[in-house]
Amino acid sequence: MEFLTLDEAKVANKTVLLRVDINVPYDEEKKQIQDSERIREHAKTIKELAEKGAKVVILAHQGRKGDPDFIHLDQHAKLLSNYVGKEVQFVDDIIGEKAIEKIKALKPGEILLLDNVRFLDEETEEKNSKQHAKSKLVRKLSKLADIFVNDAFSASHRSHASIVGFTEVLPSYAGRIMERELKSEEKALDPLGINVFV
């Protein structure tokens, strides 16, 4: 299985769209998300990109429409800020003017988390990557970005716009979680490399 990793990506001064999976348990009574290893792991990829001088724009989801944990991502931004060690800005918008202005204003090393991508109905429509590439989400954000990084391994079985659409229109790379999981799958499928039986 061949894929490009962050080792091959030249991200300095580039706008990087980073898809992560920070969908975490939610305490309905306290109206709070719970801390999670998932957030801590994603913070490492985010930090690496920021330290390399990327303008990092994060795409993520939380919950499903109709469920109590289908919420805005402002709490996620605060938790990520703690683990990244610098501010992860949040905008309660995804593809509107507010989000576009924030993305355009980013400086190298700065990080912005867009709101819950599942607030857009088109995100979860059952389509293939070429069809999703024509979605408003992909068309609007790809114009503002140079690179797409998918680090949402645990959500990548879904053919959703923010996961498969950008790969059709932007140079695409595996994030560190994705890289680790794909390599471990490779080993599981072929633990000893090429076996020759005589």
C-alpha atoms as a PDB file:
ATOM      1  CA  MET A   1       0.000   0.000   0.000  1.00  0.00           C
ATOM      2  CA  GLU A   2       1.595   3.254  -1.103  1.00  0.00           C
ATOM      3  CA  PHE A   3       0.730   6.587   0.468  1.00  0.00           C
ATOM      4  CA  LEU A   4       2.443   9.909   1.103  1.00  0.00           C
ATOM      5  CA  THR A   5       3.161  11.005   4.675  1.00  0.00           C
ATOM      6  CA  LEU A   6       4.007  14.304   6.336  1.00  0.00           C
ATOM      7  CA  ASP A   7       7.675  13.487   5.737  1.00  0.00           C
ATOM      8  CA  GLU A   8       7.077  14.176   2.032  1.00  0.00           C
ATOM      9  CA  ALA A   9       4.828  17.213   2.510  1.00  0.00           C
ATOM     10  CA  LYS A  10       6.260  20.717   2.202  1.00  0.00           C
ATOM     11  CA  VAL A  11       3.903  22.610   4.488  1.00  0.00           C
ATOM     12  CA  ALA A  12       5.772  25.815   5.425  1.00  0.00           C
ATOM     13  CA  ASN A  13       3.617  28.857   4.594  1.00  0.00           C
ATOM     14  CA  LYS A  14       0.978  26.547   3.093  1.00  0.00           C
ATOM     15  CA  THR A  15      -2.670  26.334   4.102  1.00  0.00           C
ATOM     16  CA  VAL A  16      -3.244  22.747   5.196  1.00  0.00           C
ATOM     17  CA  LEU A  17      -6.723  21.259   5.541  1.00  0.00           C
ATOM     18  CA  LEU A  18      -6.440  18.610   8.237  1.00  0.00           C
ATOM     19  CA  ARG A  19      -9.269  16.105   8.766  1.00  0.00           C
ATOM     20  CA  VAL A  20      -9.208  14.609  12.259  1.00  0.00           C
ATOM     21  CA  ASP A  21     -11.565  12.410  14.266  1.00  0.00           C
ATOM     22  CA  ILE A  22     -12.109  14.078  17.639  1.00  0.00           C
ATOM     23  CA  ASN A  23     -15.600  12.657  18.092  1.00  0.00           C
ATOM     24  CA  VAL A  24     -15.497  11.978  21.852  1.00  0.00           C
ATOM     25  CA  PRO A  25     -17.869  10.937  24.665  1.00  0.00           C
ATOM     26  CA  TYR A  26     -20.249  13.688  25.813  1.00  0.00           C
ATOM     27  CA  ASP A  27     -21.721  14.183  29.294  1.00  0.00           C
ATOM     28  CA  GLU A  28     -25.309  15.222  28.626  1.00  0.00           C
ATOM     29  CA  GLU A  29     -25.941  16.409  32.198  1.00  0.00           C
ATOM     30  CA  LYS A  30     -22.865  18.617  32.389  1.00  0.00           C
ATOM     31  CA  LYS A  31     -23.060  19.490  28.684  1.00  0.00           C
ATOM     32  CA  GLN A  32     -19.348  18.756  28.438  1.00  0.00           C
ATOM     33  CA  ILE A  33     -17.165  16.661  26.208  1.00  0.00           C
ATOM     34  CA  GLN A  34     -14.854  14.250  27.980  1.00  0.00           C
ATOM     35  CA  ASP A  35     -11.106  14.295  27.614  1.00  0.00           C
ATOM     36  CA  SER A  36      -9.857  11.557  25.357  1.00  0.00           C
ATOM     37  CA  GLU A  37      -6.702   9.848  24.157  1.00  0.00           C
ATOM     38  CA  ARG A  38      -8.017  10.559  20.669  1.00  0.00           C
ATOM     39  CA  ILE A  39      -7.697  14.321  21.206  1.00  0.00           C
ATOM     40  CA  ARG A  40      -4.221  13.955  22.704  1.00  0.00           C
ATOM     41  CA  GLU A  41      -3.035  11.878  19.735  1.00  0.00           C
ATOM     42  CA  HIS A  42      -4.428  14.281  17.149  1.00  0.00           C
ATOM     43  CA  ALA A  43      -2.769  17.182  18.962  1.00  0.00           C
ATOM     44  CA  LYS A  44       0.613  15.704  17.984  1.00  0.00           C
ATOM     45  CA  THR A  45      -0.107  15.933  14.248  1.00  0.00           C
ATOM     46  CA  ILE A  46      -1.552  19.435  14.673  1.00  0.00           C
ATOM     47  CA  LYS A  47       1.483  20.569  16.653  1.00  0.00           C
ATOM     48  CA  GLU A  48       3.893  19.130  14.083  1.00  0.00           C
ATOM     49  CA  LEU A  49       2.179  20.958  11.223  1.00  0.00           C
ATOM     50  CA  ALA A  50       2.105  24.246  13.147  1.00  0.00           C
ATOM     51  CA  GLU A  51       5.770  23.921  14.132  1.00  0.00           C
ATOM     52  CA  LYS A  52       6.661  23.367  10.467  1.00  0.00           C
ATOM     53  CA  GLY A  53       5.021  26.705   9.633  1.00  0.00           C
ATOM     54  CA  ALA A  54       1.725  25.499   8.162  1.00  0.00           C
ATOM     55  CA  LYS A  55      -1.502  27.467   8.431  1.00  0.00           C
ATOM     56  CA  VAL A  56      -3.592  24.655   9.876  1.00  0.00           C
ATOM     57  CA  VAL A  57      -7.339  24.450   9.204  1.00  0.00           C
ATOM     58  CA  ILE A  58      -8.960  21.556  11.070  1.00  0.00           C
ATOM     59  CA  LEU A  59     -12.079  19.725   9.898  1.00  0.00           C
ATOM     60  CA  ALA A  60     -13.875  17.474  12.384  1.00  0.00           C
ATOM     61  CA  HIS A  61     -17.270  16.213  13.494  1.00  0.00           C
ATOM     62  CA  GLN A  62     -19.040  15.425  16.764  1.00  0.00           C
ATOM     63  CA  GLY A  63     -22.090  13.175  17.044  1.00  0.00           C
ATOM     64  CA  ARG A  64     -24.895  12.733  14.545  1.00  0.00           C
ATOM     65  CA  LYS A  65     -27.895  14.868  13.700  1.00  0.00           C
ATOM     66  CA  GLY A  66     -30.630  14.316  16.282  1.00  0.00           C
ATOM     67  CA  ASP A  67     -28.302  12.958  18.985  1.00  0.00           C
ATOM     68  CA  PRO A  68     -27.537  14.854  22.235  1.00  0.00           C
ATOM     69  CA  ASP A  69     -23.813  14.945  21.413  1.00  0.00           C
ATOM     70  CA  PHE A  70     -24.393  16.709  18.069  1.00  0.00           C
ATOM     71  CA  ILE A  71     -22.775  19.941  19.238  1.00  0.00           C
ATOM     72  CA  HIS A  72     -20.493  22.815  18.250  1.00  0.00           C
ATOM     73  CA  LEU A  73     -16.732  22.210  18.526  1.00  0.00           C
ATOM     74  CA  ASP A  74     -15.724  25.138  20.775  1.00  0.00           C
ATOM     75  CA  GLN A  75     -14.974  22.777  23.689  1.00  0.00           C
ATOM     76  CA  HIS A  76     -12.797  20.647  21.413  1.00  0.00           C
ATOM     77  CA  ALA A  77     -10.758  23.728  20.472  1.00  0.00           C
ATOM     78  CA  LYS A  78     -10.054  24.443  24.156  1.00  0.00           C
ATOM     79  CA  LEU A  79      -8.930  20.878  24.844  1.00  0.00           C
ATOM     80  CA  LEU A  80      -6.764  20.794  21.729  1.00  0.00           C
ATOM     81  CA  SER A  81      -5.165  24.109  22.748  1.00  0.00           C
ATOM     82  CA  ASN A  82      -4.062  22.515  26.031  1.00  0.00           C
ATOM     83  CA  TYR A  83      -2.354  19.598  24.293  1.00  0.00           C
ATOM     84  CA  VAL A  84      -0.915  21.485  21.326  1.00  0.00           C
ATOM     85  CA  GLY A  85       0.540  24.086  23.693  1.00  0.00           C
ATOM     86  CA  LYS A  86      -0.800  27.052  21.732  1.00  0.00           C
ATOM     87  CA  GLU A  87      -4.182  28.519  20.874  1.00  0.00           C
ATOM     88  CA  VAL A  88      -6.419  26.558  18.562  1.00  0.00           C
ATOM     89  CA  GLN A  89      -8.813  29.213  17.305  1.00  0.00           C
ATOM     90  CA  PHE A  90     -12.455  28.267  16.784  1.00  0.00           C
ATOM     91  CA  VAL A  91     -15.013  29.664  14.368  1.00  0.00           C
ATOM     92  CA  ASP A  92     -18.695  28.714  14.547  1.00  0.00           C
ATOM     93  CA  ASP A  93     -18.868  28.415  10.783  1.00  0.00           C
ATOM     94  CA  ILE A  94     -17.626  25.998   8.121  1.00  0.00           C
ATOM     95  CA  ILE A  95     -17.921  27.440   4.611  1.00  0.00           C
ATOM     96  CA  GLY A  96     -19.556  30.833   5.200  1.00  0.00           C
ATOM     97  CA  GLU A  97     -17.950  34.284   5.093  1.00  0.00           C
ATOM     98  CA  LYS A  98     -16.887  34.115   8.732  1.00  0.00           C
ATOM     99  CA  ALA A  99     -14.904  30.905   8.186  1.00  0.00           C
ATOM    100  CA  ILE A 100     -13.424  32.102   4.894  1.00  0.00           C
ATOM    101  CA  GLU A 101     -12.189  35.366   6.443  1.00  0.00           C
ATOM    102  CA  LYS A 102     -10.626  33.479   9.358  1.00  0.00           C
ATOM    103  CA  ILE A 103      -8.843  31.058   7.025  1.00  0.00           C
ATOM    104  CA  LYS A 104      -7.510  33.890   4.855  1.00  0.00           C
ATOM    105  CA  ALA A 105      -6.232  35.717   7.950  1.00  0.00           C
ATOM    106  CA  LEU A 106      -4.205  32.761   9.268  1.00  0.00           C
ATOM    107  CA  LYS A 107      -0.465  33.254   9.641  1.00  0.00           C
ATOM    108  CA  PRO A 108       2.144  30.459   9.449  1.00  0.00           C
ATOM    109  CA  GLY A 109       2.019  28.384  12.640  1.00  0.00           C
ATOM    110  CA  GLU A 110      -1.557  29.383  13.475  1.00  0.00           C
ATOM    111  CA  ILE A 111      -4.364  26.860  13.907  1.00  0.00           C
ATOM    112  CA  LEU A 112      -8.098  27.163  13.242  1.00  0.00           C
ATOM    113  CA  LEU A 113     -10.812  24.614  14.029  1.00  0.00           C
ATOM    114  CA  LEU A 114     -13.916  24.943  11.868  1.00  0.00           C
ATOM    115  CA  ASP A 115     -17.293  23.952  13.294  1.00  0.00           C
ATOM    116  CA  ASN A 116     -18.866  20.491  13.146  1.00  0.00           C
ATOM    117  CA  VAL A 117     -18.756  19.426   9.466  1.00  0.00           C
ATOM    118  CA  ARG A 118     -21.841  17.283  10.000  1.00  0.00           C
ATOM    119  CA  PHE A 119     -23.858  20.495  10.378  1.00  0.00           C
ATOM    120  CA  LEU A 120     -23.675  20.447   6.562  1.00  0.00           C
ATOM    121  CA  ASP A 121     -26.155  17.908   5.180  1.00  0.00           C
ATOM    122  CA  GLU A 122     -23.928  17.202   2.178  1.00  0.00           C
ATOM    123  CA  GLU A 123     -21.126  15.927   4.445  1.00  0.00           C
ATOM    124  CA  THR A 124     -22.862  12.611   5.108  1.00  0.00           C
ATOM    125  CA  GLU A 125     -24.534  12.055   1.734  1.00  0.00           C
ATOM    126  CA  GLU A 126     -23.672   8.648   0.284  1.00  0.00           C
ATOM    127  CA  LYS A 127     -21.521   9.583  -2.691  1.00  0.00           C
ATOM    128  CA  ASN A 128     -18.161   8.612  -4.108  1.00  0.00           C
ATOM    129  CA  SER A 129     -15.065  10.817  -3.967  1.00  0.00           C
ATOM    130  CA  LYS A 130     -15.609  12.367  -7.419  1.00  0.00           C
ATOM    131  CA  GLN A 131     -19.182  13.319  -6.508  1.00  0.00           C
ATOM    132  CA  HIS A 132     -18.112  14.700  -3.116  1.00  0.00           C
ATOM    133  CA  ALA A 133     -15.416  16.769  -4.866  1.00  0.00           C
ATOM    134  CA  LYS A 134     -18.287  18.805  -6.350  1.00  0.00           C
ATOM    135  CA  SER A 135     -19.823  19.556  -2.929  1.00  0.00           C
ATOM    136  CA  LYS A 136     -19.892  23.147  -1.644  1.00  0.00           C
ATOM    137  CA  LEU A 137     -17.623  22.134   1.239  1.00  0.00           C
ATOM    138  CA  VAL A 138     -14.879  20.842  -1.044  1.00  0.00           C
ATOM    139  CA  ARG A 139     -15.269  23.509  -3.731  1.00  0.00           C
ATOM    140  CA  LYS A 140     -15.138  26.408  -1.266  1.00  0.00           C
ATOM    141  CA  LEU A 141     -12.369  25.184   1.027  1.00  0.00           C
ATOM    142  CA  SER A 142     -10.102  23.695  -1.642  1.00  0.00           C
ATOM    143  CA  LYS A 143      -9.809  27.163  -3.210  1.00  0.00           C
ATOM    144  CA  LEU A 144      -8.255  28.396   0.040  1.00  0.00           C
ATOM    145  CA  ALA A 145      -5.943  25.435   0.680  1.00  0.00           C
ATOM    146  CA  ASP A 146      -2.737  23.998  -0.751  1.00  0.00           C
ATOM    147  CA  ILE A 147      -2.674  20.548   0.845  1.00  0.00           C
ATOM    148  CA  PHE A 148      -5.075  18.024   2.389  1.00  0.00           C
ATOM    149  CA  VAL A 149      -4.004  15.778   5.263  1.00  0.00           C
ATOM    150  CA  ASN A 150      -6.234  12.930   6.430  1.00  0.00           C
ATOM    151  CA  ASP A 151      -5.541  11.857  10.002  1.00  0.00           C
ATOM    152  CA  ALA A 152      -9.057  10.573  10.685  1.00  0.00           C
ATOM    153  CA  PHE A 153      -8.293   6.863  10.401  1.00  0.00           C
ATOM    154  CA  SER A 154     -11.199   5.851  12.640  1.00  0.00           C
ATOM    155  CA  ALA A 155     -13.679   7.682  10.373  1.00  0.00           C
ATOM    156  CA  SER A 156     -12.105   6.832   7.027  1.00  0.00           C
ATOM    157  CA  HIS A 157     -14.379   3.871   6.345  1.00  0.00           C
ATOM    158  CA  ARG A 158     -17.061   6.485   5.637  1.00  0.00           C
ATOM    159  CA  SER A 159     -17.376   8.000   2.164  1.00  0.00           C
ATOM    160  CA  HIS A 160     -18.073  11.486   3.512  1.00  0.00           C
ATOM    161  CA  ALA A 161     -17.258  14.771   1.781  1.00  0.00           C
ATOM    162  CA  SER A 162     -14.567  15.957   4.204  1.00  0.00           C
ATOM    163  CA  ILE A 163     -12.812  12.581   4.101  1.00  0.00           C
ATOM    164  CA  VAL A 164     -12.831  11.626   0.418  1.00  0.00           C
ATOM    165  CA  GLY A 165     -13.717  14.781  -1.539  1.00  0.00           C
ATOM    166  CA  PHE A 166     -10.494  16.751  -1.081  1.00  0.00           C
ATOM    167  CA  THR A 167      -8.318  13.865  -2.277  1.00  0.00           C
ATOM    168  CA  GLU A 168      -9.682  14.494  -5.781  1.00  0.00           C
ATOM    169  CA  VAL A 169      -8.613  18.144  -5.909  1.00  0.00           C
ATOM    170  CA  LEU A 170      -5.646  18.695  -3.566  1.00  0.00           C
ATOM    171  CA  PRO A 171      -2.259  17.017  -3.001  1.00  0.00           C
ATOM    172  CA  SER A 172      -3.105  14.580  -0.188  1.00  0.00           C
ATOM    173  CA  TYR A 173      -1.075  13.068   2.629  1.00  0.00           C
ATOM    174  CA  ALA A 174      -1.580  10.729   5.575  1.00  0.00           C
ATOM    175  CA  GLY A 175      -1.320  12.304   9.025  1.00  0.00           C
ATOM    176  CA  ARG A 176       0.666  10.578  11.771  1.00  0.00           C
ATOM    177  CA  ILE A 177      -2.245   8.530  13.168  1.00  0.00           C
ATOM    178  CA  MET A 178      -3.267   7.459   9.664  1.00  0.00           C
ATOM    179  CA  GLU A 179       0.343   6.572   8.803  1.00  0.00           C
ATOM    180  CA  ARG A 180       0.768   4.481  11.953  1.00  0.00           C
ATOM    181  CA  GLU A 181      -2.504   2.598  11.461  1.00  0.00           C
ATOM    182  CA  LEU A 182      -1.895   1.907   7.771  1.00  0.00           C
ATOM    183  CA  LYS A 183       1.605   0.602   8.486  1.00  0.00           C
ATOM    184  CA  SER A 184       0.288  -1.634  11.243  1.00  0.00           C
ATOM    185  CA  GLU A 185      -2.387  -2.978   8.864  1.00  0.00           C
ATOM    186  CA  GLU A 186       0.329  -3.703   6.297  1.00  0.00           C
ATOM    187  CA  LYS A 187       2.265  -5.697   8.897  1.00  0.00           C
ATOM    188  CA  ALA A 188      -0.845  -7.623   9.901  1.00  0.00           C
ATOM    189  CA  LEU A 189      -1.527  -8.549   6.283  1.00  0.00           C
ATOM    190  CA  ASP A 190       2.108  -9.473   5.575  1.00  0.00           C
ATOM    191  CA  PRO A 191       3.904  -9.987   8.915  1.00  0.00           C
ATOM    192  CA  LEU A 192       7.076 -11.557   7.497  1.00  0.00           C
ATOM    193  CA  GLY A 193       7.383  -9.693   4.228  1.00  0.00           C
ATOM    194  CA  ILE A 194       7.698 -11.882   1.167  1.00  0.00           C
ATOM    195  CA  ASN A 195       7.676 -15.567   2.045  1.00  0.00           C
ATOM    196  CA  VAL A 196       9.348 -18.023  -0.272  1.00  0.00           C
ATOM    197  CA  PHE A 197       8.364 -21.655   0.156  1.00  0.00           C
ATOM    198  CA  VAL A 198      10.539 -24.369  -1.404  1.00  0.00           C
END
